[in-house]
Amino acid sequence: MISFTFTPIDLTSLYKEQYSLGWIDKATLRSYVTYGFITKDQFQEISGDSYEAQA
C-alpha cells in the first residue's frame, strides 16, 4: 500500500511579499487566519499590526 505524508509549506515570506506589493490586503490576511493558512503571529509578522478579528 502507498502511504503519503503531508508536510505543510510555510508561505509567510510569499504572503509578506504579496502584501508589500499591494496584491493582498489586511482583509485577505485576516481571512487566511480564519481559514488556518497563517497564524495570528504570522499575520502580525506580515502586516506589522496585531491581529484583531473583524465583526
Protein backbone atom coordinates (compact mmCIF):
# COMPACT_ATOMS: atom_id res chain seq x y z
CA MET A 1 0.00 0.00 0.00
CA ILE A 2 1.20 3.52 -0.79
CA SER A 3 1.45 5.98 2.07
CA PHE A 4 1.71 9.75 1.75
CA THR A 5 2.79 12.24 4.38
CA PHE A 6 1.60 15.82 4.06
CA THR A 7 4.14 18.43 5.08
CA PRO A 8 2.78 21.96 5.33
CA ILE A 9 4.70 24.64 3.50
CA ASP A 10 5.39 27.95 5.25
CA LEU A 11 4.19 30.61 2.83
CA THR A 12 4.77 33.54 5.19
CA SER A 13 7.53 35.03 3.05
CA LEU A 14 5.37 34.76 -0.08
CA TYR A 15 2.41 36.42 1.63
CA LYS A 16 4.72 39.12 3.02
CA GLU A 17 5.95 39.89 -0.49
CA GLN A 18 2.41 39.94 -1.90
CA TYR A 19 1.31 42.26 0.91
CA SER A 20 4.21 44.65 0.34
CA LEU A 21 3.38 44.80 -3.38
CA GLY A 22 -0.28 45.53 -2.63
CA TRP A 23 -1.50 42.28 -4.20
CA ILE A 24 -3.26 41.28 -0.97
CA ASP A 25 -4.61 43.45 1.83
CA LYS A 26 -5.27 43.05 5.56
CA ALA A 27 -8.78 41.72 4.92
CA THR A 28 -7.27 38.92 2.84
CA LEU A 29 -4.70 38.20 5.55
CA ARG A 30 -7.49 38.07 8.15
CA SER A 31 -9.30 35.50 6.01
CA TYR A 32 -6.09 33.46 5.84
CA VAL A 33 -6.06 33.39 9.66
CA THR A 34 -9.73 32.37 9.72
CA TYR A 35 -9.08 29.52 7.28
CA GLY A 36 -5.93 28.44 9.14
CA PHE A 37 -3.50 29.27 6.33
CA ILE A 38 -1.49 31.52 8.69
CA THR A 39 -1.42 32.13 12.44
CA LYS A 40 -2.17 35.37 14.28
CA ASP A 41 1.57 35.75 14.87
CA GLN A 42 2.25 35.37 11.14
CA PHE A 43 -0.44 37.99 10.44
CA GLN A 44 1.48 40.40 12.68
CA GLU A 45 4.80 39.48 11.05
CA ILE A 46 3.38 40.13 7.57
CA SER A 47 1.30 43.24 8.19
CA GLY A 48 3.11 44.81 11.14
CA ASP A 49 -0.20 45.08 13.03
CA SER A 50 -1.63 42.82 15.69
CA TYR A 51 -4.49 40.56 14.62
CA GLU A 52 -7.97 41.68 15.55
CA ALA A 53 -10.91 39.73 14.18
CA GLN A 54 -13.40 41.87 12.30
CA ALA A 55 -17.07 41.58 13.16
